[in-house]
Amino acid sequence: MPLTPKEIIKELKQNGFIIINQNGSHVKLKNPESGKQVIVPYHSKAMKKGLEQAILKQAGLK
């Protein structure tokens, strides 16, 4: 089942990411250790599976 943006942000925070800023409905997170940066669209609906996988891959979690 696809995750909501809130759940993805929670998972990223547990893996060392911190929120840098939010511009409209997009949240930018960065991991200071690895230098990786991801942008999560923050909407009320669950994300599509492909977008969820792409965000986790960019973060180095998949």
C-alpha atoms as a PDB file:
ATOM      1  CA  MET A   1       0.000   0.000   0.000  1.00  0.00           C
ATOM      2  CA  PRO A   2       1.470   3.390  -0.977  1.00  0.00           C
ATOM      3  CA  LEU A   3       2.608   5.682   1.801  1.00  0.00           C
ATOM      4  CA  THR A   4       1.298   9.181   2.472  1.00  0.00           C
ATOM      5  CA  PRO A   5       3.725  12.115   2.286  1.00  0.00           C
ATOM      6  CA  LYS A   6       3.580  12.404   6.092  1.00  0.00           C
ATOM      7  CA  GLU A   7       4.714   8.769   6.458  1.00  0.00           C
ATOM      8  CA  ILE A   8       7.542   9.201   3.934  1.00  0.00           C
ATOM      9  CA  ILE A   9       8.817  12.320   5.717  1.00  0.00           C
ATOM     10  CA  LYS A  10       8.697  10.420   9.030  1.00  0.00           C
ATOM     11  CA  GLU A  11      10.730   7.556   7.518  1.00  0.00           C
ATOM     12  CA  LEU A  12      13.276   9.979   6.033  1.00  0.00           C
ATOM     13  CA  LYS A  13      13.680  11.741   9.408  1.00  0.00           C
ATOM     14  CA  GLN A  14      14.313   8.379  11.083  1.00  0.00           C
ATOM     15  CA  ASN A  15      17.144   7.840   8.589  1.00  0.00           C
ATOM     16  CA  GLY A  16      18.953  11.103   9.338  1.00  0.00           C
ATOM     17  CA  PHE A  17      17.203  13.576   7.033  1.00  0.00           C
ATOM     18  CA  ILE A  18      16.226  17.027   8.277  1.00  0.00           C
ATOM     19  CA  ILE A  19      13.718  19.471   6.795  1.00  0.00           C
ATOM     20  CA  ILE A  20      15.491  22.378   5.127  1.00  0.00           C
ATOM     21  CA  ASN A  21      12.479  24.342   3.924  1.00  0.00           C
ATOM     22  CA  GLN A  22       8.989  24.118   2.464  1.00  0.00           C
ATOM     23  CA  ASN A  23       7.968  25.921  -0.686  1.00  0.00           C
ATOM     24  CA  GLY A  24       4.216  25.696  -1.220  1.00  0.00           C
ATOM     25  CA  SER A  25       3.248  22.040  -1.123  1.00  0.00           C
ATOM     26  CA  HIS A  26       6.775  20.637  -1.472  1.00  0.00           C
ATOM     27  CA  VAL A  27       9.086  19.821   1.438  1.00  0.00           C
ATOM     28  CA  LYS A  28      12.856  19.744   0.915  1.00  0.00           C
ATOM     29  CA  LEU A  29      14.859  17.379   3.133  1.00  0.00           C
ATOM     30  CA  LYS A  30      18.607  16.844   3.329  1.00  0.00           C
ATOM     31  CA  ASN A  31      20.850  14.295   5.003  1.00  0.00           C
ATOM     32  CA  PRO A  32      23.879  16.156   6.386  1.00  0.00           C
ATOM     33  CA  GLU A  33      25.980  12.975   6.584  1.00  0.00           C
ATOM     34  CA  SER A  34      25.529  11.771   2.996  1.00  0.00           C
ATOM     35  CA  GLY A  35      24.714  15.140   1.400  1.00  0.00           C
ATOM     36  CA  LYS A  36      21.679  13.637  -0.353  1.00  0.00           C
ATOM     37  CA  GLN A  37      18.667  15.865  -0.859  1.00  0.00           C
ATOM     38  CA  VAL A  38      15.075  14.937  -1.731  1.00  0.00           C
ATOM     39  CA  ILE A  39      11.876  16.870  -2.376  1.00  0.00           C
ATOM     40  CA  VAL A  40       8.588  15.372  -1.183  1.00  0.00           C
ATOM     41  CA  PRO A  41       5.272  16.710  -2.556  1.00  0.00           C
ATOM     42  CA  TYR A  42       3.131  17.270   0.540  1.00  0.00           C
ATOM     43  CA  HIS A  43      -0.487  16.537  -0.394  1.00  0.00           C
ATOM     44  CA  SER A  44      -3.286  14.852   1.541  1.00  0.00           C
ATOM     45  CA  LYS A  45      -3.547  11.782  -0.707  1.00  0.00           C
ATOM     46  CA  ALA A  46      -1.286   8.751  -0.801  1.00  0.00           C
ATOM     47  CA  MET A  47       1.491   8.926  -3.383  1.00  0.00           C
ATOM     48  CA  LYS A  48       1.618   6.750  -6.427  1.00  0.00           C
ATOM     49  CA  LYS A  49       3.941   3.777  -6.066  1.00  0.00           C
ATOM     50  CA  GLY A  50       6.445   4.987  -8.685  1.00  0.00           C
ATOM     51  CA  LEU A  51       6.889   8.393  -7.055  1.00  0.00           C
ATOM     52  CA  GLU A  52       7.296   6.801  -3.638  1.00  0.00           C
ATOM     53  CA  GLN A  53       9.981   4.434  -4.972  1.00  0.00           C
ATOM     54  CA  ALA A  54      11.777   7.295  -6.768  1.00  0.00           C
ATOM     55  CA  ILE A  55      11.958   9.403  -3.582  1.00  0.00           C
ATOM     56  CA  LEU A  56      13.273   6.487  -1.526  1.00  0.00           C
ATOM     57  CA  LYS A  57      15.830   5.667  -4.241  1.00  0.00           C
ATOM     58  CA  GLN A  58      17.083   9.266  -4.347  1.00  0.00           C
ATOM     59  CA  ALA A  59      17.425   9.141  -0.565  1.00  0.00           C
ATOM     60  CA  GLY A  60      19.461   5.936  -0.828  1.00  0.00           C
ATOM     61  CA  LEU A  61      16.960   3.878   1.149  1.00  0.00           C
ATOM     62  CA  LYS A  62      16.036   1.418  -1.645  1.00  0.00           C
END
